[in-house]
PDB file of N, CA and C in Angstrom:
ATOM      1  N   UNK A   1      -6.952  60.986  41.166  1.00  0.00           N
ATOM      2  CA  UNK A   1      -6.630  62.395  41.333  1.00  0.00           C
ATOM      3  C   UNK A   1      -7.675  63.257  40.652  1.00  0.00           C
ATOM      4  N   UNK A   2      -7.849  64.421  41.192  1.00  0.00           N
ATOM      5  CA  UNK A   2      -8.756  65.369  40.565  1.00  0.00           C
ATOM      6  C   UNK A   2      -8.046  66.056  39.417  1.00  0.00           C
ATOM      7  N   UNK A   3      -8.822  66.749  38.596  1.00  0.00           N
ATOM      8  CA  UNK A   3      -8.218  67.481  37.490  1.00  0.00           C
ATOM      9  C   UNK A   3      -7.238  68.538  38.005  1.00  0.00           C
ATOM     10  N   UNK A   4      -7.605  69.213  39.095  1.00  0.00           N
ATOM     11  CA  UNK A   4      -6.734  70.240  39.666  1.00  0.00           C
ATOM     12  C   UNK A   4      -5.430  69.628  40.169  1.00  0.00           C
ATOM     13  N   UNK A   5      -5.518  68.491  40.829  1.00  0.00           N
ATOM     14  CA  UNK A   5      -4.313  67.821  41.316  1.00  0.00           C
ATOM     15  C   UNK A   5      -3.429  67.395  40.144  1.00  0.00           C
ATOM     16  N   UNK A   6      -4.041  66.893  39.080  1.00  0.00           N
ATOM     17  CA  UNK A   6      -3.270  66.521  37.886  1.00  0.00           C
ATOM     18  C   UNK A   6      -2.552  67.736  37.307  1.00  0.00           C
ATOM     19  N   UNK A   7      -3.251  68.863  37.258  1.00  0.00           N
ATOM     20  CA  UNK A   7      -2.663  70.086  36.714  1.00  0.00           C
ATOM     21  C   UNK A   7      -1.481  70.533  37.564  1.00  0.00           C
ATOM     22  N   UNK A   8      -1.649  70.507  38.881  1.00  0.00           N
ATOM     23  CA  UNK A   8      -0.562  70.922  39.767  1.00  0.00           C
ATOM     24  C   UNK A   8       0.635  69.994  39.648  1.00  0.00           C
ATOM     25  N   UNK A   9       0.380  68.697  39.564  1.00  0.00           N
ATOM     26  CA  UNK A   9       1.476  67.749  39.371  1.00  0.00           C
ATOM     27  C   UNK A   9       2.191  68.028  38.058  1.00  0.00           C
ATOM     28  N   UNK A  10       1.427  68.328  37.009  1.00  0.00           N
ATOM     29  CA  UNK A  10       2.015  68.654  35.717  1.00  0.00           C
ATOM     30  C   UNK A  10       2.844  69.917  35.771  1.00  0.00           C
ATOM     31  N   UNK A  11       2.383  70.915  36.516  1.00  0.00           N
ATOM     32  CA  UNK A  11       3.134  72.163  36.655  1.00  0.00           C
ATOM     33  C   UNK A  11       4.449  71.918  37.392  1.00  0.00           C
ATOM     34  N   UNK A  12       4.398  71.103  38.433  1.00  0.00           N
ATOM     35  CA  UNK A  12       5.613  70.793  39.181  1.00  0.00           C
ATOM     36  C   UNK A  12       6.599  70.032  38.303  1.00  0.00           C
ATOM     37  N   UNK A  13       6.087  69.084  37.533  1.00  0.00           N
ATOM     38  CA  UNK A  13       6.948  68.311  36.635  1.00  0.00           C
ATOM     39  C   UNK A  13       7.546  69.223  35.566  1.00  0.00           C
ATOM     40  N   UNK A  14       6.729  70.095  34.993  1.00  0.00           N
ATOM     41  CA  UNK A  14       7.223  71.015  33.968  1.00  0.00           C
ATOM     42  C   UNK A  14       8.297  71.933  34.539  1.00  0.00           C
ATOM     43  N   UNK A  15       8.106  72.413  35.770  1.00  0.00           N
ATOM     44  CA  UNK A  15       9.104  73.284  36.400  1.00  0.00           C
ATOM     45  C   UNK A  15      10.418  72.526  36.608  1.00  0.00           C
ATOM     46  N   UNK A  16      10.317  71.276  37.033  1.00  0.00           N
ATOM     47  CA  UNK A  16      11.521  70.469  37.224  1.00  0.00           C
ATOM     48  C   UNK A  16      12.235  70.231  35.897  1.00  0.00           C
ATOM     49  N   UNK A  17      11.473  69.909  34.862  1.00  0.00           N
ATOM     50  CA  UNK A  17      12.066  69.661  33.545  1.00  0.00           C
ATOM     51  C   UNK A  17      12.677  70.931  32.970  1.00  0.00           C
ATOM     52  N   UNK A  18      12.075  72.081  33.269  1.00  0.00           N
ATOM     53  CA  UNK A  18      12.618  73.356  32.796  1.00  0.00           C
ATOM     54  C   UNK A  18      14.003  73.590  33.402  1.00  0.00           C
ATOM     55  N   UNK A  19      14.139  73.289  34.694  1.00  0.00           N
ATOM     56  CA  UNK A  19      15.446  73.401  35.343  1.00  0.00           C
ATOM     57  C   UNK A  19      16.447  72.458  34.685  1.00  0.00           C
ATOM     58  N   UNK A  20      16.013  71.252  34.363  1.00  0.00           N
ATOM     59  CA  UNK A  20      16.915  70.264  33.772  1.00  0.00           C
ATOM     60  C   UNK A  20      17.335  70.637  32.356  1.00  0.00           C
ATOM     61  N   UNK A  21      16.416  71.162  31.566  1.00  0.00           N
ATOM     62  CA  UNK A  21      16.776  71.546  30.193  1.00  0.00           C
ATOM     63  C   UNK A  21      17.741  72.735  30.207  1.00  0.00           C
ATOM     64  N   UNK A  22      17.806  73.421  31.325  1.00  0.00           N
ATOM     65  CA  UNK A  22      18.728  74.550  31.494  1.00  0.00           C
ATOM     66  C   UNK A  22      19.953  74.170  32.331  1.00  0.00           C
ATOM     67  N   UNK A  23      20.257  72.887  32.430  1.00  0.00           N
ATOM     68  CA  UNK A  23      21.445  72.441  33.157  1.00  0.00           C
ATOM     69  C   UNK A  23      22.678  73.125  32.567  1.00  0.00           C
ATOM     70  N   UNK A  24      23.537  73.672  33.418  1.00  0.00           N
ATOM     71  CA  UNK A  24      24.719  74.381  32.913  1.00  0.00           C
ATOM     72  C   UNK A  24      25.595  73.503  32.019  1.00  0.00           C
ATOM     73  N   UNK A  25      26.146  74.134  31.018  1.00  0.00           N
ATOM     74  CA  UNK A  25      27.065  73.452  30.105  1.00  0.00           C
ATOM     75  C   UNK A  25      28.302  72.996  30.860  1.00  0.00           C
ATOM     76  N   UNK A  26      28.838  71.881  30.445  1.00  0.00           N
ATOM     77  CA  UNK A  26      30.100  71.401  30.969  1.00  0.00           C
ATOM     78  C   UNK A  26      30.000  70.492  32.175  1.00  0.00           C
ATOM     79  N   UNK A  27      28.859  70.445  32.828  1.00  0.00           N
ATOM     80  CA  UNK A  27      28.701  69.526  33.949  1.00  0.00           C
ATOM     81  C   UNK A  27      28.625  68.105  33.417  1.00  0.00           C
ATOM     82  N   UNK A  28      29.169  67.175  34.190  1.00  0.00           N
ATOM     83  CA  UNK A  28      29.140  65.778  33.772  1.00  0.00           C
ATOM     84  C   UNK A  28      27.691  65.334  33.553  1.00  0.00           C
ATOM     85  N   UNK A  29      27.449  64.683  32.425  1.00  0.00           N
ATOM     86  CA  UNK A  29      26.139  64.170  32.012  1.00  0.00           C
ATOM     87  C   UNK A  29      25.122  65.271  31.697  1.00  0.00           C
ATOM     88  N   UNK A  30      25.547  66.517  31.615  1.00  0.00           N
ATOM     89  CA  UNK A  30      24.585  67.604  31.380  1.00  0.00           C
ATOM     90  C   UNK A  30      23.938  67.523  30.005  1.00  0.00           C
ATOM     91  N   UNK A  31      24.655  67.056  29.007  1.00  0.00           N
ATOM     92  CA  UNK A  31      24.065  66.933  27.675  1.00  0.00           C
ATOM     93  C   UNK A  31      22.928  65.929  27.662  1.00  0.00           C
ATOM     94  N   UNK A  32      23.134  64.815  28.326  1.00  0.00           N
ATOM     95  CA  UNK A  32      22.085  63.799  28.412  1.00  0.00           C
ATOM     96  C   UNK A  32      20.906  64.293  29.246  1.00  0.00           C
ATOM     97  N   UNK A  33      21.201  65.049  30.285  1.00  0.00           N
ATOM     98  CA  UNK A  33      20.141  65.622  31.121  1.00  0.00           C
ATOM     99  C   UNK A  33      19.290  66.575  30.310  1.00  0.00           C
ATOM    100  N   UNK A  34      19.939  67.450  29.547  1.00  0.00           N
ATOM    101  CA  UNK A  34      19.189  68.397  28.712  1.00  0.00           C
ATOM    102  C   UNK A  34      18.344  67.659  27.671  1.00  0.00           C
ATOM    103  N   UNK A  35      18.908  66.603  27.086  1.00  0.00           N
ATOM    104  CA  UNK A  35      18.160  65.840  26.082  1.00  0.00           C
ATOM    105  C   UNK A  35      16.936  65.164  26.691  1.00  0.00           C
ATOM    106  N   UNK A  36      17.091  64.568  27.857  1.00  0.00           N
ATOM    107  CA  UNK A  36      15.950  63.921  28.519  1.00  0.00           C
ATOM    108  C   UNK A  36      14.855  64.940  28.821  1.00  0.00           C
ATOM    109  N   UNK A  37      15.245  66.107  29.283  1.00  0.00           N
ATOM    110  CA  UNK A  37      14.255  67.154  29.563  1.00  0.00           C
ATOM    111  C   UNK A  37      13.624  67.655  28.261  1.00  0.00           C
ATOM    112  N   UNK A  38      14.425  67.758  27.210  1.00  0.00           N
ATOM    113  CA  UNK A  38      13.884  68.180  25.915  1.00  0.00           C
ATOM    114  C   UNK A  38      12.828  67.195  25.430  1.00  0.00           C
ATOM    115  N   UNK A  39      13.053  65.914  25.663  1.00  0.00           N
ATOM    116  CA  UNK A  39      12.072  64.892  25.282  1.00  0.00           C
ATOM    117  C   UNK A  39      10.738  65.142  25.990  1.00  0.00           C
ATOM    118  N   UNK A  40      10.786  65.550  27.248  1.00  0.00           N
ATOM    119  CA  UNK A  40       9.574  65.880  27.996  1.00  0.00           C
ATOM    120  C   UNK A  40       8.788  66.975  27.262  1.00  0.00           C
ATOM    121  N   UNK A  41       9.479  68.035  26.859  1.00  0.00           N
ATOM    122  CA  UNK A  41       8.798  69.144  26.179  1.00  0.00           C
ATOM    123  C   UNK A  41       8.327  68.742  24.781  1.00  0.00           C
ATOM    124  N   UNK A  42       9.083  67.895  24.113  1.00  0.00           N
ATOM    125  CA  UNK A  42       8.662  67.385  22.809  1.00  0.00           C
ATOM    126  C   UNK A  42       7.364  66.594  22.939  1.00  0.00           C
ATOM    127  N   UNK A  43       7.303  65.725  23.936  1.00  0.00           N
ATOM    128  CA  UNK A  43       6.098  64.912  24.128  1.00  0.00           C
ATOM    129  C   UNK A  43       4.873  65.757  24.466  1.00  0.00           C
ATOM    130  N   UNK A  44       5.100  66.934  24.992  1.00  0.00           N
ATOM    131  CA  UNK A  44       3.993  67.857  25.298  1.00  0.00           C
ATOM    132  C   UNK A  44       3.695  68.795  24.119  1.00  0.00           C
ATOM    133  N   UNK A  45       4.311  68.515  22.968  1.00  0.00           N
ATOM    134  CA  UNK A  45       4.150  69.336  21.759  1.00  0.00           C
ATOM    135  C   UNK A  45       4.605  70.778  21.973  1.00  0.00           C
ATOM    136  N   UNK A  46       5.632  70.955  22.794  1.00  0.00           N
ATOM    137  CA  UNK A  46       6.183  72.277  23.050  1.00  0.00           C
ATOM    138  C   UNK A  46       7.529  72.468  22.364  1.00  0.00           C
ATOM    139  N   UNK A  47       7.922  71.470  21.578  1.00  0.00           N
ATOM    140  CA  UNK A  47       9.197  71.493  20.870  1.00  0.00           C
ATOM    141  C   UNK A  47       9.035  70.683  19.591  1.00  0.00           C
ATOM    142  N   UNK A  48       9.662  71.144  18.520  1.00  0.00           N
ATOM    143  CA  UNK A  48       9.590  70.416  17.250  1.00  0.00           C
ATOM    144  C   UNK A  48      10.549  69.229  17.259  1.00  0.00           C
ATOM    145  N   UNK A  49      10.299  68.301  16.367  1.00  0.00           N
ATOM    146  CA  UNK A  49      11.186  67.140  16.255  1.00  0.00           C
ATOM    147  C   UNK A  49      12.582  67.560  15.796  1.00  0.00           C
ATOM    148  N   UNK A  50      12.679  68.590  14.970  1.00  0.00           N
ATOM    149  CA  UNK A  50      13.974  69.077  14.513  1.00  0.00           C
ATOM    150  C   UNK A  50      14.795  69.630  15.683  1.00  0.00           C
ATOM    151  N   UNK A  51      14.124  70.334  16.580  1.00  0.00           N
ATOM    152  CA  UNK A  51      14.792  70.878  17.759  1.00  0.00           C
ATOM    153  C   UNK A  51      15.241  69.745  18.671  1.00  0.00           C
ATOM    154  N   UNK A  52      14.372  68.777  18.886  1.00  0.00           N
ATOM    155  CA  UNK A  52      14.718  67.625  19.718  1.00  0.00           C
ATOM    156  C   UNK A  52      15.923  66.892  19.144  1.00  0.00           C
ATOM    157  N   UNK A  53      15.992  66.772  17.839  1.00  0.00           N
ATOM    158  CA  UNK A  53      17.117  66.078  17.200  1.00  0.00           C
ATOM    159  C   UNK A  53      18.438  66.766  17.527  1.00  0.00           C
ATOM    160  N   UNK A  54      18.436  68.066  17.594  1.00  0.00           N
ATOM    161  CA  UNK A  54      19.669  68.778  17.936  1.00  0.00           C
ATOM    162  C   UNK A  54      20.065  68.485  19.379  1.00  0.00           C
ATOM    163  N   UNK A  55      19.096  68.431  20.279  1.00  0.00           N
ATOM    164  CA  UNK A  55      19.401  68.033  21.657  1.00  0.00           C
ATOM    165  C   UNK A  55      19.956  66.606  21.693  1.00  0.00           C
ATOM    166  N   UNK A  56      19.423  65.734  20.839  1.00  0.00           N
ATOM    167  CA  UNK A  56      19.928  64.359  20.789  1.00  0.00           C
ATOM    168  C   UNK A  56      21.376  64.339  20.328  1.00  0.00           C
ATOM    169  N   UNK A  57      21.676  65.084  19.284  1.00  0.00           N
ATOM    170  CA  UNK A  57      23.044  65.143  18.760  1.00  0.00           C
ATOM    171  C   UNK A  57      24.006  65.667  19.825  1.00  0.00           C
ATOM    172  N   UNK A  58      23.563  66.629  20.605  1.00  0.00           N
ATOM    173  CA  UNK A  58      24.411  67.244  21.632  1.00  0.00           C
ATOM    174  C   UNK A  58      24.430  66.460  22.950  1.00  0.00           C
ATOM    175  N   UNK A  59      23.669  65.402  23.036  1.00  0.00           N
ATOM    176  CA  UNK A  59      23.519  64.678  24.305  1.00  0.00           C
ATOM    177  C   UNK A  59      24.844  64.177  24.873  1.00  0.00           C
ATOM    178  N   UNK A  60      25.751  63.770  24.032  1.00  0.00           N
ATOM    179  CA  UNK A  60      27.032  63.240  24.527  1.00  0.00           C
ATOM    180  C   UNK A  60      28.100  64.317  24.607  1.00  0.00           C
ATOM    181  N   UNK A  61      27.727  65.534  24.295  1.00  0.00           N
ATOM    182  CA  UNK A  61      28.679  66.648  24.287  1.00  0.00           C
ATOM    183  C   UNK A  61      28.289  67.627  25.396  1.00  0.00           C
ATOM    184  N   UNK A  62      28.739  67.356  26.596  1.00  0.00           N
ATOM    185  CA  UNK A  62      28.301  68.120  27.758  1.00  0.00           C
ATOM    186  C   UNK A  62      28.586  69.616  27.653  1.00  0.00           C
ATOM    187  N   UNK A  63      29.591  70.001  26.904  1.00  0.00           N
ATOM    188  CA  UNK A  63      29.960  71.410  26.799  1.00  0.00           C
ATOM    189  C   UNK A  63      29.339  72.109  25.588  1.00  0.00           C
ATOM    190  N   UNK A  64      28.612  71.373  24.773  1.00  0.00           N
ATOM    191  CA  UNK A  64      28.033  71.928  23.537  1.00  0.00           C
ATOM    192  C   UNK A  64      26.657  72.528  23.819  1.00  0.00           C
ATOM    193  N   UNK A  65      26.506  73.795  23.485  1.00  0.00           N
ATOM    194  CA  UNK A  65      25.227  74.472  23.645  1.00  0.00           C
ATOM    195  C   UNK A  65      24.367  74.195  22.411  1.00  0.00           C
ATOM    196  N   UNK A  66      23.214  73.544  22.573  1.00  0.00           N
ATOM    197  CA  UNK A  66      22.382  73.243  21.413  1.00  0.00           C
ATOM    198  C   UNK A  66      21.685  74.474  20.826  1.00  0.00           C
ATOM    199  N   UNK A  67      21.546  75.525  21.597  1.00  0.00           N
ATOM    200  CA  UNK A  67      20.763  76.678  21.139  1.00  0.00           C
ATOM    201  C   UNK A  67      21.351  77.377  19.911  1.00  0.00           C
ATOM    202  N   UNK A  68      22.655  77.636  19.831  1.00  0.00           N
ATOM    203  CA  UNK A  68      23.185  78.231  18.603  1.00  0.00           C
ATOM    204  C   UNK A  68      22.998  77.331  17.379  1.00  0.00           C
ATOM    205  N   UNK A  69      23.062  76.030  17.589  1.00  0.00           N
ATOM    206  CA  UNK A  69      22.871  75.088  16.482  1.00  0.00           C
ATOM    207  C   UNK A  69      21.423  75.143  16.009  1.00  0.00           C
ATOM    208  N   UNK A  70      20.503  75.190  16.954  1.00  0.00           N
ATOM    209  CA  UNK A  70      19.081  75.314  16.605  1.00  0.00           C
ATOM    210  C   UNK A  70      18.873  76.581  15.784  1.00  0.00           C
ATOM    211  N   UNK A  71      19.454  77.682  16.242  1.00  0.00           N
ATOM    212  CA  UNK A  71      19.340  78.956  15.522  1.00  0.00           C
ATOM    213  C   UNK A  71      19.957  78.861  14.137  1.00  0.00           C
ATOM    214  N   UNK A  72      21.165  78.306  14.048  1.00  0.00           N
ATOM    215  CA  UNK A  72      21.873  78.242  12.769  1.00  0.00           C
ATOM    216  C   UNK A  72      21.147  77.370  11.751  1.00  0.00           C
ATOM    217  N   UNK A  73      20.442  76.356  12.221  1.00  0.00           N
ATOM    218  CA  UNK A  73      19.684  75.486  11.315  1.00  0.00           C
ATOM    219  C   UNK A  73      18.320  76.061  10.966  1.00  0.00           C
ATOM    220  N   UNK A  74      17.948  77.142  11.631  1.00  0.00           N
ATOM    221  CA  UNK A  74      16.679  77.807  11.317  1.00  0.00           C
ATOM    222  C   UNK A  74      15.455  77.028  11.767  1.00  0.00           C
ATOM    223  N   UNK A  75      15.598  76.254  12.821  1.00  0.00           N
ATOM    224  CA  UNK A  75      14.468  75.500  13.367  1.00  0.00           C
ATOM    225  C   UNK A  75      14.229  75.961  14.799  1.00  0.00           C
ATOM    226  N   UNK A  76      13.064  75.660  15.332  1.00  0.00           N
ATOM    227  CA  UNK A  76      12.796  75.899  16.742  1.00  0.00           C
ATOM    228  C   UNK A  76      12.780  77.351  17.165  1.00  0.00           C
ATOM    229  N   UNK A  77      12.299  78.226  16.307  1.00  0.00           N
ATOM    230  CA  UNK A  77      12.283  79.654  16.652  1.00  0.00           C
ATOM    231  C   UNK A  77      11.462  79.923  17.910  1.00  0.00           C
ATOM    232  N   UNK A  78      10.340  79.221  18.059  1.00  0.00           N
ATOM    233  CA  UNK A  78       9.523  79.385  19.269  1.00  0.00           C
ATOM    234  C   UNK A  78      10.291  78.913  20.498  1.00  0.00           C
ATOM    235  N   UNK A  79      11.025  77.816  20.355  1.00  0.00           N
ATOM    236  CA  UNK A  79      11.799  77.293  21.483  1.00  0.00           C
ATOM    237  C   UNK A  79      12.912  78.270  21.865  1.00  0.00           C
ATOM    238  N   UNK A  80      13.587  78.826  20.875  1.00  0.00           N
ATOM    239  CA  UNK A  80      14.654  79.785  21.163  1.00  0.00           C
ATOM    240  C   UNK A  80      14.105  81.001  21.897  1.00  0.00           C
ATOM    241  N   UNK A  81      12.943  81.452  21.477  1.00  0.00           N
ATOM    242  CA  UNK A  81      12.311  82.592  22.153  1.00  0.00           C
ATOM    243  C   UNK A  81      11.979  82.230  23.594  1.00  0.00           C
ATOM    244  N   UNK A  82      11.419  81.060  23.786  1.00  0.00           N
ATOM    245  CA  UNK A  82      11.074  80.608  25.128  1.00  0.00           C
ATOM    246  C   UNK A  82      12.318  80.505  26.016  1.00  0.00           C
ATOM    247  N   UNK A  83      13.426  80.092  25.434  1.00  0.00           N
ATOM    248  CA  UNK A  83      14.677  79.964  26.183  1.00  0.00           C
ATOM    249  C   UNK A  83      15.374  81.316  26.380  1.00  0.00           C
ATOM    250  N   UNK A  84      14.851  82.354  25.743  1.00  0.00           N
ATOM    251  CA  UNK A  84      15.456  83.678  25.853  1.00  0.00           C
ATOM    252  C   UNK A  84      16.757  83.783  25.079  1.00  0.00           C
ATOM    253  N   UNK A  85      16.880  82.992  24.021  1.00  0.00           N
ATOM    254  CA  UNK A  85      18.095  82.958  23.209  1.00  0.00           C
ATOM    255  C   UNK A  85      17.861  83.738  21.928  1.00  0.00           C
ATOM    256  N   UNK A  86      18.705  84.710  21.719  1.00  0.00           N
ATOM    257  CA  UNK A  86      18.563  85.549  20.522  1.00  0.00           C
ATOM    258  C   UNK A  86      19.806  85.480  19.683  1.00  0.00           C
TER     259      UNK A  86
END
């Protein structure tokens, strides 16, 4: 693949993962889906390990929103901003 093709594939993957990390609360397996997508962003250095840990803790809790927990623990301020969570 060319560099441009790699970039486009990466953009498509990032867009898909963004949708997954925003999976609505309460859907079956949504916590695990959000955690898997969070791992994608962590591996790209777009999320701190502390933020990822909160997604891991919430992985089995489909109705639990990790964003307030991230805020309350005072970690992941850049991630919260990116998610539009205040």
